[in-house]
């Protein structure tokens, strides 16, 4: 069975080759994204393996069916970039990696919080330049602060457990309560209640039509003055312009994001010698209280190993027509 990888990074090849030592699947790697312009590269392959910024829309599915591709293996949990109705219409199965070291993403969210709060990135640069001043490096204790967690799936639960260890009060919102979290002291509240009372708001929910621009002018207006906002989920959860306006007014005092709504044109690329044409990301990078990382929350040895193992298992399940909960179906 031959699989074409799109949006391949060096770490993808490293971990997939390590997990495919018996060469049970033939893997071919393309560094370009899958879209209508590149879909013909998949000709002659049984399946394709895609990532978060590949555009698997109706036109791509039609082309994949025409050239004989039978399935798509996502090497990620999210599938908002995949037209599932088109997949069904073209009889192409879609698989994903629903969970891979949720601790990796949760710990990165905490890293963003600590870095923004205690300004360790600024202190690091200062000391390397011989500046040992503590001026403007004052942070705040996380102990007894109220943290609002939106989305309490596996990553949200892992994040809550860490923040409870800091002695934080955790309030949460999700369509389904976690009995475990309630048993350890997490209180579920209405979304407006969470906005009104959280010192830190951290997003760990799926990006679906109902959550698009969940953070917008209206929801930000309900938040505490000088709130900290963290997003390690999907960029589309934030309305970028409204977030920038809130930063300019001081409503949002700290912003940490590992995802960005228009990241497909930026992230996973070296643009250090180019002019960035995206005015919103350029503006965000001018704020001293904004920390942007380029979708690296998942990037740990444990997570990359699990992604490779699960993706290869999904391919094997398709090959042998075995049922799996990792198949994503159009409802």
C-alpha atoms as a PDB file:
ATOM      1  CA  UNK A   1       0.000   0.000   0.000  1.00  0.00           C
ATOM      2  CA  UNK A   2       1.388   3.376  -1.070  1.00  0.00           C
ATOM      3  CA  UNK A   3       0.701   6.570   0.865  1.00  0.00           C
ATOM      4  CA  UNK A   4       1.474  10.137  -0.220  1.00  0.00           C
ATOM      5  CA  UNK A   5       2.325  12.502   2.616  1.00  0.00           C
ATOM      6  CA  UNK A   6       1.545  16.195   2.167  1.00  0.00           C
ATOM      7  CA  UNK A   7       2.843  19.181   4.164  1.00  0.00           C
ATOM      8  CA  UNK A   8       5.741  17.014   5.302  1.00  0.00           C
ATOM      9  CA  UNK A   9       8.195  18.367   7.830  1.00  0.00           C
ATOM     10  CA  UNK A  10      11.555  16.761   8.675  1.00  0.00           C
ATOM     11  CA  UNK A  11      10.202  15.455  11.985  1.00  0.00           C
ATOM     12  CA  UNK A  12       7.341  13.697  10.155  1.00  0.00           C
ATOM     13  CA  UNK A  13       9.762  11.651   8.096  1.00  0.00           C
ATOM     14  CA  UNK A  14      11.949  10.928  11.130  1.00  0.00           C
ATOM     15  CA  UNK A  15       9.131   9.560  13.295  1.00  0.00           C
ATOM     16  CA  UNK A  16       7.150   7.782  10.578  1.00  0.00           C
ATOM     17  CA  UNK A  17      10.241   6.023   9.262  1.00  0.00           C
ATOM     18  CA  UNK A  18      11.109   4.928  12.800  1.00  0.00           C
ATOM     19  CA  UNK A  19       7.617   3.509  13.335  1.00  0.00           C
ATOM     20  CA  UNK A  20       7.488   1.900   9.890  1.00  0.00           C
ATOM     21  CA  UNK A  21      10.656  -0.150  10.261  1.00  0.00           C
ATOM     22  CA  UNK A  22       9.073  -3.253   8.768  1.00  0.00           C
ATOM     23  CA  UNK A  23       8.111  -1.169   5.703  1.00  0.00           C
ATOM     24  CA  UNK A  24       4.580  -2.553   5.790  1.00  0.00           C
ATOM     25  CA  UNK A  25       3.460   0.675   4.110  1.00  0.00           C
ATOM     26  CA  UNK A  26       5.272   2.552   1.340  1.00  0.00           C
ATOM     27  CA  UNK A  27       5.561   6.209   2.346  1.00  0.00           C
ATOM     28  CA  UNK A  28       6.330   9.029  -0.090  1.00  0.00           C
ATOM     29  CA  UNK A  29       6.818  12.557   1.190  1.00  0.00           C
ATOM     30  CA  UNK A  30       5.859  15.900  -0.343  1.00  0.00           C
ATOM     31  CA  UNK A  31       6.620  19.157   1.429  1.00  0.00           C
ATOM     32  CA  UNK A  32       3.807  20.972  -0.398  1.00  0.00           C
ATOM     33  CA  UNK A  33       0.287  21.222   0.997  1.00  0.00           C
ATOM     34  CA  UNK A  34      -2.579  19.245  -0.473  1.00  0.00           C
ATOM     35  CA  UNK A  35      -4.937  21.459  -2.439  1.00  0.00           C
ATOM     36  CA  UNK A  36      -6.479  21.700  -5.901  1.00  0.00           C
ATOM     37  CA  UNK A  37      -3.122  22.647  -7.449  1.00  0.00           C
ATOM     38  CA  UNK A  38      -1.177  19.733  -5.921  1.00  0.00           C
ATOM     39  CA  UNK A  39      -3.754  16.957  -5.752  1.00  0.00           C
ATOM     40  CA  UNK A  40      -2.443  15.231  -8.895  1.00  0.00           C
ATOM     41  CA  UNK A  41       0.718  14.375  -6.969  1.00  0.00           C
ATOM     42  CA  UNK A  42      -1.417  11.710  -5.286  1.00  0.00           C
ATOM     43  CA  UNK A  43      -1.945   9.830  -8.558  1.00  0.00           C
ATOM     44  CA  UNK A  44      -0.875   6.219  -8.214  1.00  0.00           C
ATOM     45  CA  UNK A  45      -1.290   6.174  -4.433  1.00  0.00           C
ATOM     46  CA  UNK A  46      -3.842   4.252  -2.366  1.00  0.00           C
ATOM     47  CA  UNK A  47      -4.186   6.986   0.221  1.00  0.00           C
ATOM     48  CA  UNK A  48      -2.929  10.371   1.315  1.00  0.00           C
ATOM     49  CA  UNK A  49      -1.761  11.583   4.714  1.00  0.00           C
ATOM     50  CA  UNK A  50      -2.536  15.207   5.549  1.00  0.00           C
ATOM     51  CA  UNK A  51      -2.048  17.756   8.311  1.00  0.00           C
ATOM     52  CA  UNK A  52      -3.926  20.742   9.726  1.00  0.00           C
ATOM     53  CA  UNK A  53      -3.358  23.226   6.906  1.00  0.00           C
ATOM     54  CA  UNK A  54      -4.085  20.969   3.937  1.00  0.00           C
ATOM     55  CA  UNK A  55      -7.296  22.051   2.185  1.00  0.00           C
ATOM     56  CA  UNK A  56      -9.314  18.910   1.582  1.00  0.00           C
ATOM     57  CA  UNK A  57     -12.418  20.451   0.040  1.00  0.00           C
ATOM     58  CA  UNK A  58     -15.011  19.164  -2.406  1.00  0.00           C
ATOM     59  CA  UNK A  59     -12.842  19.812  -5.466  1.00  0.00           C
ATOM     60  CA  UNK A  60      -9.919  17.939  -3.906  1.00  0.00           C
ATOM     61  CA  UNK A  61     -12.126  14.962  -3.039  1.00  0.00           C
ATOM     62  CA  UNK A  62     -13.468  14.775  -6.584  1.00  0.00           C
ATOM     63  CA  UNK A  63      -9.934  14.811  -7.942  1.00  0.00           C
ATOM     64  CA  UNK A  64      -8.786  12.184  -5.431  1.00  0.00           C
ATOM     65  CA  UNK A  65     -11.595   9.861  -6.454  1.00  0.00           C
ATOM     66  CA  UNK A  66     -10.773  10.366 -10.132  1.00  0.00           C
ATOM     67  CA  UNK A  67      -7.141   9.339  -9.617  1.00  0.00           C
ATOM     68  CA  UNK A  68      -8.069   6.354  -7.443  1.00  0.00           C
ATOM     69  CA  UNK A  69      -7.264   7.487  -3.896  1.00  0.00           C
ATOM     70  CA  UNK A  70      -9.406   5.515  -1.462  1.00  0.00           C
ATOM     71  CA  UNK A  71      -8.776   7.137   1.945  1.00  0.00           C
ATOM     72  CA  UNK A  72      -7.253  10.033   3.848  1.00  0.00           C
ATOM     73  CA  UNK A  73      -5.247   9.549   7.040  1.00  0.00           C
ATOM     74  CA  UNK A  74      -5.053  12.739   9.062  1.00  0.00           C
ATOM     75  CA  UNK A  75      -2.012  12.934  11.306  1.00  0.00           C
ATOM     76  CA  UNK A  76      -3.860  15.254  13.685  1.00  0.00           C
ATOM     77  CA  UNK A  77      -7.006  15.329  15.808  1.00  0.00           C
ATOM     78  CA  UNK A  78      -8.845  18.224  14.163  1.00  0.00           C
ATOM     79  CA  UNK A  79     -10.693  17.744  10.880  1.00  0.00           C
ATOM     80  CA  UNK A  80     -12.247  21.173  10.302  1.00  0.00           C
ATOM     81  CA  UNK A  81     -10.213  21.462   7.073  1.00  0.00           C
ATOM     82  CA  UNK A  82     -11.861  18.357   5.626  1.00  0.00           C
ATOM     83  CA  UNK A  83     -15.214  18.428   3.805  1.00  0.00           C
ATOM     84  CA  UNK A  84     -16.757  15.282   5.261  1.00  0.00           C
ATOM     85  CA  UNK A  85     -19.849  15.501   3.063  1.00  0.00           C
ATOM     86  CA  UNK A  86     -17.600  15.479   0.018  1.00  0.00           C
ATOM     87  CA  UNK A  87     -15.694  12.522   1.457  1.00  0.00           C
ATOM     88  CA  UNK A  88     -18.923  10.561   1.784  1.00  0.00           C
ATOM     89  CA  UNK A  89     -20.140  11.581  -1.675  1.00  0.00           C
ATOM     90  CA  UNK A  90     -16.885  10.355  -3.219  1.00  0.00           C
ATOM     91  CA  UNK A  91     -16.686   7.199  -1.082  1.00  0.00           C
ATOM     92  CA  UNK A  92     -13.343   8.167   0.451  1.00  0.00           C
ATOM     93  CA  UNK A  93     -12.789   7.180   4.066  1.00  0.00           C
ATOM     94  CA  UNK A  94     -11.240   9.636   6.521  1.00  0.00           C
ATOM     95  CA  UNK A  95      -9.252   8.684   9.617  1.00  0.00           C
ATOM     96  CA  UNK A  96      -7.712  10.853  12.305  1.00  0.00           C
ATOM     97  CA  UNK A  97      -5.546  10.669  15.418  1.00  0.00           C
ATOM     98  CA  UNK A  98      -8.085  11.597  18.104  1.00  0.00           C
ATOM     99  CA  UNK A  99      -5.605  11.765  20.960  1.00  0.00           C
ATOM    100  CA  UNK A 100      -1.844  12.016  21.146  1.00  0.00           C
ATOM    101  CA  UNK A 101      -0.203  12.958  24.409  1.00  0.00           C
ATOM    102  CA  UNK A 102      -2.785  15.520  25.524  1.00  0.00           C
ATOM    103  CA  UNK A 103      -0.221  16.506  28.131  1.00  0.00           C
ATOM    104  CA  UNK A 104       1.995  17.914  25.366  1.00  0.00           C
ATOM    105  CA  UNK A 105      -0.543  20.567  24.354  1.00  0.00           C
ATOM    106  CA  UNK A 106      -1.638  21.220  27.928  1.00  0.00           C
ATOM    107  CA  UNK A 107       1.941  21.750  29.077  1.00  0.00           C
ATOM    108  CA  UNK A 108       2.584  24.150  26.192  1.00  0.00           C
ATOM    109  CA  UNK A 109      -0.440  26.205  27.249  1.00  0.00           C
ATOM    110  CA  UNK A 110       1.054  26.408  30.737  1.00  0.00           C
ATOM    111  CA  UNK A 111       4.409  27.408  29.222  1.00  0.00           C
ATOM    112  CA  UNK A 112       2.704  30.301  27.437  1.00  0.00           C
ATOM    113  CA  UNK A 113       1.062  31.384  30.696  1.00  0.00           C
ATOM    114  CA  UNK A 114       4.289  31.298  32.698  1.00  0.00           C
ATOM    115  CA  UNK A 115       6.338  32.996  29.995  1.00  0.00           C
ATOM    116  CA  UNK A 116       3.846  35.832  29.547  1.00  0.00           C
ATOM    117  CA  UNK A 117       3.371  36.246  33.278  1.00  0.00           C
ATOM    118  CA  UNK A 118       6.958  36.046  34.522  1.00  0.00           C
ATOM    119  CA  UNK A 119       8.451  37.465  31.300  1.00  0.00           C
ATOM    120  CA  UNK A 120      11.192  34.856  31.177  1.00  0.00           C
ATOM    121  CA  UNK A 121      11.698  35.409  27.431  1.00  0.00           C
ATOM    122  CA  UNK A 122      12.498  39.068  28.072  1.00  0.00           C
ATOM    123  CA  UNK A 123      14.718  38.258  31.046  1.00  0.00           C
ATOM    124  CA  UNK A 124      16.648  35.719  28.954  1.00  0.00           C
ATOM    125  CA  UNK A 125      17.379  38.264  26.229  1.00  0.00           C
ATOM    126  CA  UNK A 126      18.327  40.958  28.738  1.00  0.00           C
ATOM    127  CA  UNK A 127      20.810  38.844  30.647  1.00  0.00           C
ATOM    128  CA  UNK A 128      22.507  37.675  27.446  1.00  0.00           C
ATOM    129  CA  UNK A 129      23.091  41.350  26.645  1.00  0.00           C
ATOM    130  CA  UNK A 130      24.532  42.007  30.114  1.00  0.00           C
ATOM    131  CA  UNK A 131      21.373  43.722  31.388  1.00  0.00           C
ATOM    132  CA  UNK A 132      20.552  42.359  34.852  1.00  0.00           C
ATOM    133  CA  UNK A 133      17.834  44.893  35.648  1.00  0.00           C
ATOM    134  CA  UNK A 134      14.497  43.641  36.982  1.00  0.00           C
ATOM    135  CA  UNK A 135      12.654  46.709  35.739  1.00  0.00           C
ATOM    136  CA  UNK A 136       9.283  45.874  34.143  1.00  0.00           C
ATOM    137  CA  UNK A 137       9.608  42.142  34.786  1.00  0.00           C
ATOM    138  CA  UNK A 138       7.002  42.001  37.565  1.00  0.00           C
ATOM    139  CA  UNK A 139       4.480  39.179  37.218  1.00  0.00           C
ATOM    140  CA  UNK A 140       1.743  37.760  39.434  1.00  0.00           C
ATOM    141  CA  UNK A 141       1.201  34.613  41.468  1.00  0.00           C
ATOM    142  CA  UNK A 142      -0.834  31.914  39.781  1.00  0.00           C
ATOM    143  CA  UNK A 143      -1.781  30.657  43.249  1.00  0.00           C
ATOM    144  CA  UNK A 144      -5.492  31.285  43.931  1.00  0.00           C
ATOM    145  CA  UNK A 145      -6.124  32.869  40.534  1.00  0.00           C
ATOM    146  CA  UNK A 146      -9.287  31.841  38.683  1.00  0.00           C
ATOM    147  CA  UNK A 147      -8.638  29.990  35.438  1.00  0.00           C
ATOM    148  CA  UNK A 148     -11.481  29.552  32.943  1.00  0.00           C
ATOM    149  CA  UNK A 149     -11.142  26.475  30.756  1.00  0.00           C
ATOM    150  CA  UNK A 150     -13.300  26.240  27.642  1.00  0.00           C
ATOM    151  CA  UNK A 151     -13.355  22.646  26.473  1.00  0.00           C
ATOM    152  CA  UNK A 152     -12.665  19.770  28.859  1.00  0.00           C
ATOM    153  CA  UNK A 153     -11.757  16.894  26.615  1.00  0.00           C
ATOM    154  CA  UNK A 154      -8.495  15.058  27.164  1.00  0.00           C
ATOM    155  CA  UNK A 155      -6.330  18.153  26.663  1.00  0.00           C
ATOM    156  CA  UNK A 156      -8.601  20.316  28.789  1.00  0.00           C
ATOM    157  CA  UNK A 157      -8.522  17.752  31.580  1.00  0.00           C
ATOM    158  CA  UNK A 158      -4.716  17.548  31.450  1.00  0.00           C
ATOM    159  CA  UNK A 159      -4.532  21.352  31.583  1.00  0.00           C
ATOM    160  CA  UNK A 160      -6.913  21.540  34.555  1.00  0.00           C
ATOM    161  CA  UNK A 161      -4.856  19.005  36.496  1.00  0.00           C
ATOM    162  CA  UNK A 162      -1.708  21.091  36.011  1.00  0.00           C
ATOM    163  CA  UNK A 163      -3.380  24.349  37.013  1.00  0.00           C
ATOM    164  CA  UNK A 164      -4.902  22.735  40.095  1.00  0.00           C
ATOM    165  CA  UNK A 165      -1.333  21.888  41.064  1.00  0.00           C
ATOM    166  CA  UNK A 166      -0.536  25.607  41.059  1.00  0.00           C
ATOM    167  CA  UNK A 167      -3.356  26.152  43.516  1.00  0.00           C
ATOM    168  CA  UNK A 168      -5.653  27.829  41.006  1.00  0.00           C
ATOM    169  CA  UNK A 169      -9.427  27.885  41.166  1.00  0.00           C
ATOM    170  CA  UNK A 170     -10.746  26.251  37.987  1.00  0.00           C
ATOM    171  CA  UNK A 171     -14.060  27.067  36.350  1.00  0.00           C
ATOM    172  CA  UNK A 172     -14.969  25.316  33.119  1.00  0.00           C
ATOM    173  CA  UNK A 173     -17.426  25.257  30.273  1.00  0.00           C
ATOM    174  CA  UNK A 174     -18.263  22.409  27.915  1.00  0.00           C
ATOM    175  CA  UNK A 175     -21.367  20.848  26.443  1.00  0.00           C
ATOM    176  CA  UNK A 176     -20.619  17.753  28.541  1.00  0.00           C
ATOM    177  CA  UNK A 177     -19.275  17.871  32.092  1.00  0.00           C
ATOM    178  CA  UNK A 178     -16.321  15.751  33.157  1.00  0.00           C
ATOM    179  CA  UNK A 179     -17.272  13.833  36.281  1.00  0.00           C
ATOM    180  CA  UNK A 180     -13.581  13.421  37.058  1.00  0.00           C
ATOM    181  CA  UNK A 181     -12.953  17.158  36.993  1.00  0.00           C
ATOM    182  CA  UNK A 182     -15.968  17.824  39.179  1.00  0.00           C
ATOM    183  CA  UNK A 183     -14.657  15.265  41.673  1.00  0.00           C
ATOM    184  CA  UNK A 184     -11.365  17.187  42.009  1.00  0.00           C
ATOM    185  CA  UNK A 185     -12.983  20.574  42.512  1.00  0.00           C
ATOM    186  CA  UNK A 186     -13.520  22.008  39.034  1.00  0.00           C
ATOM    187  CA  UNK A 187     -16.783  23.946  38.799  1.00  0.00           C
ATOM    188  CA  UNK A 188     -18.760  24.018  35.575  1.00  0.00           C
ATOM    189  CA  UNK A 189     -20.398  27.358  34.848  1.00  0.00           C
ATOM    190  CA  UNK A 190     -22.228  29.145  32.045  1.00  0.00           C
ATOM    191  CA  UNK A 191     -19.960  30.650  29.418  1.00  0.00           C
ATOM    192  CA  UNK A 192     -20.802  34.253  30.345  1.00  0.00           C
ATOM    193  CA  UNK A 193     -20.052  33.415  33.982  1.00  0.00           C
ATOM    194  CA  UNK A 194     -16.656  32.052  32.952  1.00  0.00           C
ATOM    195  CA  UNK A 195     -15.844  35.186  30.958  1.00  0.00           C
ATOM    196  CA  UNK A 196     -16.830  37.427  33.858  1.00  0.00           C
ATOM    197  CA  UNK A 197     -14.791  35.669  36.540  1.00  0.00           C
ATOM    198  CA  UNK A 198     -11.667  34.204  34.943  1.00  0.00           C
ATOM    199  CA  UNK A 199      -8.291  35.877  35.355  1.00  0.00           C
ATOM    200  CA  UNK A 200      -6.972  33.525  32.672  1.00  0.00           C
ATOM    201  CA  UNK A 201      -9.077  32.089  29.837  1.00  0.00           C
ATOM    202  CA  UNK A 202      -7.618  29.047  28.075  1.00  0.00           C
ATOM    203  CA  UNK A 203      -9.206  27.499  24.979  1.00  0.00           C
ATOM    204  CA  UNK A 204      -9.204  23.727  24.518  1.00  0.00           C
ATOM    205  CA  UNK A 205     -12.310  23.195  22.391  1.00  0.00           C
ATOM    206  CA  UNK A 206     -12.889  21.961  18.858  1.00  0.00           C
ATOM    207  CA  UNK A 207     -13.179  24.340  15.942  1.00  0.00           C
ATOM    208  CA  UNK A 208     -16.640  23.752  14.523  1.00  0.00           C
ATOM    209  CA  UNK A 209     -19.201  26.183  13.056  1.00  0.00           C
ATOM    210  CA  UNK A 210     -20.646  26.776  16.533  1.00  0.00           C
ATOM    211  CA  UNK A 211     -17.277  27.811  17.971  1.00  0.00           C
ATOM    212  CA  UNK A 212     -15.993  29.927  15.089  1.00  0.00           C
ATOM    213  CA  UNK A 213     -14.937  33.326  16.513  1.00  0.00           C
ATOM    214  CA  UNK A 214     -16.030  32.266  19.978  1.00  0.00           C
ATOM    215  CA  UNK A 215     -13.716  34.994  21.193  1.00  0.00           C
ATOM    216  CA  UNK A 216     -15.019  38.173  19.633  1.00  0.00           C
ATOM    217  CA  UNK A 217     -15.872  41.760  20.530  1.00  0.00           C
ATOM    218  CA  UNK A 218     -18.954  40.710  22.502  1.00  0.00           C
ATOM    219  CA  UNK A 219     -17.364  37.890  24.492  1.00  0.00           C
ATOM    220  CA  UNK A 220     -14.231  39.940  25.193  1.00  0.00           C
ATOM    221  CA  UNK A 221     -16.404  42.757  26.586  1.00  0.00           C
ATOM    222  CA  UNK A 222     -17.680  40.297  29.211  1.00  0.00           C
ATOM    223  CA  UNK A 223     -14.183  39.403  30.409  1.00  0.00           C
ATOM    224  CA  UNK A 224     -12.277  40.908  33.309  1.00  0.00           C
ATOM    225  CA  UNK A 225     -10.121  43.929  32.676  1.00  0.00           C
ATOM    226  CA  UNK A 226      -6.495  42.847  32.067  1.00  0.00           C
ATOM    227  CA  UNK A 227      -7.460  39.240  31.343  1.00  0.00           C
ATOM    228  CA  UNK A 228      -4.939  36.712  30.035  1.00  0.00           C
ATOM    229  CA  UNK A 229      -6.093  34.788  26.950  1.00  0.00           C
ATOM    230  CA  UNK A 230      -4.458  31.536  25.807  1.00  0.00           C
ATOM    231  CA  UNK A 231      -5.250  29.580  22.639  1.00  0.00           C
ATOM    232  CA  UNK A 232      -3.567  26.273  21.822  1.00  0.00           C
ATOM    233  CA  UNK A 233      -6.595  24.829  20.033  1.00  0.00           C
ATOM    234  CA  UNK A 234      -7.486  26.321  16.633  1.00  0.00           C
ATOM    235  CA  UNK A 235      -6.903  29.817  15.293  1.00  0.00           C
ATOM    236  CA  UNK A 236     -10.470  30.277  14.094  1.00  0.00           C
ATOM    237  CA  UNK A 237     -11.730  30.370  17.675  1.00  0.00           C
ATOM    238  CA  UNK A 238     -10.448  33.956  17.881  1.00  0.00           C
ATOM    239  CA  UNK A 239     -11.686  36.898  15.861  1.00  0.00           C
ATOM    240  CA  UNK A 240      -8.247  38.350  15.226  1.00  0.00           C
ATOM    241  CA  UNK A 241      -9.217  41.972  14.637  1.00  0.00           C
ATOM    242  CA  UNK A 242     -11.420  42.080  17.739  1.00  0.00           C
ATOM    243  CA  UNK A 243      -8.572  40.571  19.748  1.00  0.00           C
ATOM    244  CA  UNK A 244      -6.145  43.207  18.445  1.00  0.00           C
ATOM    245  CA  UNK A 245      -8.603  45.965  19.350  1.00  0.00           C
ATOM    246  CA  UNK A 246      -8.881  44.565  22.888  1.00  0.00           C
ATOM    247  CA  UNK A 247      -5.092  44.468  23.196  1.00  0.00           C
ATOM    248  CA  UNK A 248      -4.848  48.101  22.088  1.00  0.00           C
ATOM    249  CA  UNK A 249      -7.409  49.117  24.718  1.00  0.00           C
ATOM    250  CA  UNK A 250      -5.740  47.088  27.464  1.00  0.00           C
ATOM    251  CA  UNK A 251      -8.764  44.848  27.972  1.00  0.00           C
ATOM    252  CA  UNK A 252      -6.570  41.842  27.142  1.00  0.00           C
ATOM    253  CA  UNK A 253      -3.354  42.269  29.095  1.00  0.00           C
ATOM    254  CA  UNK A 254      -1.681  39.057  27.915  1.00  0.00           C
ATOM    255  CA  UNK A 255      -2.209  36.976  24.790  1.00  0.00           C
ATOM    256  CA  UNK A 256      -0.548  33.630  24.142  1.00  0.00           C
ATOM    257  CA  UNK A 257      -1.381  31.792  20.912  1.00  0.00           C
ATOM    258  CA  UNK A 258       0.058  28.690  19.314  1.00  0.00           C
ATOM    259  CA  UNK A 259      -2.468  28.843  16.476  1.00  0.00           C
ATOM    260  CA  UNK A 260      -3.611  31.558  14.106  1.00  0.00           C
ATOM    261  CA  UNK A 261      -6.644  31.863  11.845  1.00  0.00           C
ATOM    262  CA  UNK A 262      -4.573  32.409   8.679  1.00  0.00           C
ATOM    263  CA  UNK A 263      -1.633  30.247   9.693  1.00  0.00           C
ATOM    264  CA  UNK A 264      -1.656  28.128   6.535  1.00  0.00           C
ATOM    265  CA  UNK A 265       0.275  30.863   4.734  1.00  0.00           C
ATOM    266  CA  UNK A 266       2.792  31.307   7.559  1.00  0.00           C
ATOM    267  CA  UNK A 267       3.352  28.467   9.961  1.00  0.00           C
ATOM    268  CA  UNK A 268       5.806  25.617   9.300  1.00  0.00           C
ATOM    269  CA  UNK A 269       7.787  27.877   6.941  1.00  0.00           C
ATOM    270  CA  UNK A 270      10.957  29.950   7.293  1.00  0.00           C
ATOM    271  CA  UNK A 271       9.916  33.457   6.244  1.00  0.00           C
ATOM    272  CA  UNK A 272      12.792  35.247   7.960  1.00  0.00           C
ATOM    273  CA  UNK A 273      14.033  36.738   4.671  1.00  0.00           C
ATOM    274  CA  UNK A 274      10.610  37.670   3.364  1.00  0.00           C
ATOM    275  CA  UNK A 275       8.134  40.482   3.909  1.00  0.00           C
ATOM    276  CA  UNK A 276       5.130  39.147   5.814  1.00  0.00           C
ATOM    277  CA  UNK A 277       2.041  40.422   4.031  1.00  0.00           C
ATOM    278  CA  UNK A 278      -0.448  39.415   6.737  1.00  0.00           C
ATOM    279  CA  UNK A 279      -1.187  42.686   8.540  1.00  0.00           C
ATOM    280  CA  UNK A 280      -2.923  41.023  11.483  1.00  0.00           C
ATOM    281  CA  UNK A 281      -0.050  38.745  12.471  1.00  0.00           C
ATOM    282  CA  UNK A 282       2.381  41.610  11.876  1.00  0.00           C
ATOM    283  CA  UNK A 283       0.378  43.788  14.245  1.00  0.00           C
ATOM    284  CA  UNK A 284       0.177  41.069  16.876  1.00  0.00           C
ATOM    285  CA  UNK A 285       3.945  40.693  16.822  1.00  0.00           C
ATOM    286  CA  UNK A 286       4.390  44.371  17.727  1.00  0.00           C
ATOM    287  CA  UNK A 287       2.741  43.963  21.129  1.00  0.00           C
ATOM    288  CA  UNK A 288       5.143  43.363  24.030  1.00  0.00           C
ATOM    289  CA  UNK A 289       2.446  41.386  25.866  1.00  0.00           C
ATOM    290  CA  UNK A 290       1.754  38.942  23.023  1.00  0.00           C
ATOM    291  CA  UNK A 291       3.523  35.608  22.646  1.00  0.00           C
ATOM    292  CA  UNK A 292       3.114  33.673  19.399  1.00  0.00           C
ATOM    293  CA  UNK A 293       4.434  30.177  18.780  1.00  0.00           C
ATOM    294  CA  UNK A 294       3.998  28.495  15.402  1.00  0.00           C
ATOM    295  CA  UNK A 295       1.711  25.530  16.141  1.00  0.00           C
ATOM    296  CA  UNK A 296       4.333  23.674  18.172  1.00  0.00           C
ATOM    297  CA  UNK A 297       2.239  22.628  21.177  1.00  0.00           C
ATOM    298  CA  UNK A 298       2.101  19.038  19.915  1.00  0.00           C
ATOM    299  CA  UNK A 299       5.833  18.894  19.240  1.00  0.00           C
ATOM    300  CA  UNK A 300       7.150  16.426  21.804  1.00  0.00           C
ATOM    301  CA  UNK A 301       8.840  13.078  21.314  1.00  0.00           C
ATOM    302  CA  UNK A 302       5.924  11.285  22.960  1.00  0.00           C
ATOM    303  CA  UNK A 303       3.268  13.021  20.859  1.00  0.00           C
ATOM    304  CA  UNK A 304       5.105  12.564  17.542  1.00  0.00           C
ATOM    305  CA  UNK A 305       5.604   8.878  18.297  1.00  0.00           C
ATOM    306  CA  UNK A 306       1.927   8.406  19.102  1.00  0.00           C
ATOM    307  CA  UNK A 307       0.850  10.306  15.987  1.00  0.00           C
ATOM    308  CA  UNK A 308       2.995   8.092  13.764  1.00  0.00           C
ATOM    309  CA  UNK A 309       1.910   4.870  15.458  1.00  0.00           C
ATOM    310  CA  UNK A 310      -1.798   5.705  15.357  1.00  0.00           C
ATOM    311  CA  UNK A 311      -1.696   6.959  11.763  1.00  0.00           C
ATOM    312  CA  UNK A 312       0.060   3.805  10.581  1.00  0.00           C
ATOM    313  CA  UNK A 313      -2.449   1.710  12.533  1.00  0.00           C
ATOM    314  CA  UNK A 314      -5.290   3.573  10.828  1.00  0.00           C
ATOM    315  CA  UNK A 315      -3.739   2.755   7.454  1.00  0.00           C
ATOM    316  CA  UNK A 316      -3.448  -0.909   8.419  1.00  0.00           C
ATOM    317  CA  UNK A 317      -7.074  -0.952   9.582  1.00  0.00           C
ATOM    318  CA  UNK A 318      -8.182   0.410   6.224  1.00  0.00           C
ATOM    319  CA  UNK A 319      -6.012  -2.107   4.398  1.00  0.00           C
ATOM    320  CA  UNK A 320      -7.627  -5.005   6.272  1.00  0.00           C
ATOM    321  CA  UNK A 321     -11.116  -3.434   6.374  1.00  0.00           C
ATOM    322  CA  UNK A 322     -11.144  -3.327  10.183  1.00  0.00           C
ATOM    323  CA  UNK A 323     -13.551  -1.061  12.013  1.00  0.00           C
ATOM    324  CA  UNK A 324     -12.009   1.664  14.165  1.00  0.00           C
ATOM    325  CA  UNK A 325     -13.271   4.551  16.262  1.00  0.00           C
ATOM    326  CA  UNK A 326     -10.663   6.711  14.542  1.00  0.00           C
ATOM    327  CA  UNK A 327     -12.730   6.877  11.356  1.00  0.00           C
ATOM    328  CA  UNK A 328     -14.415  10.254  10.916  1.00  0.00           C
ATOM    329  CA  UNK A 329     -17.808  10.034   9.297  1.00  0.00           C
ATOM    330  CA  UNK A 330     -20.222  12.663   8.004  1.00  0.00           C
ATOM    331  CA  UNK A 331     -23.220  12.835  10.325  1.00  0.00           C
END
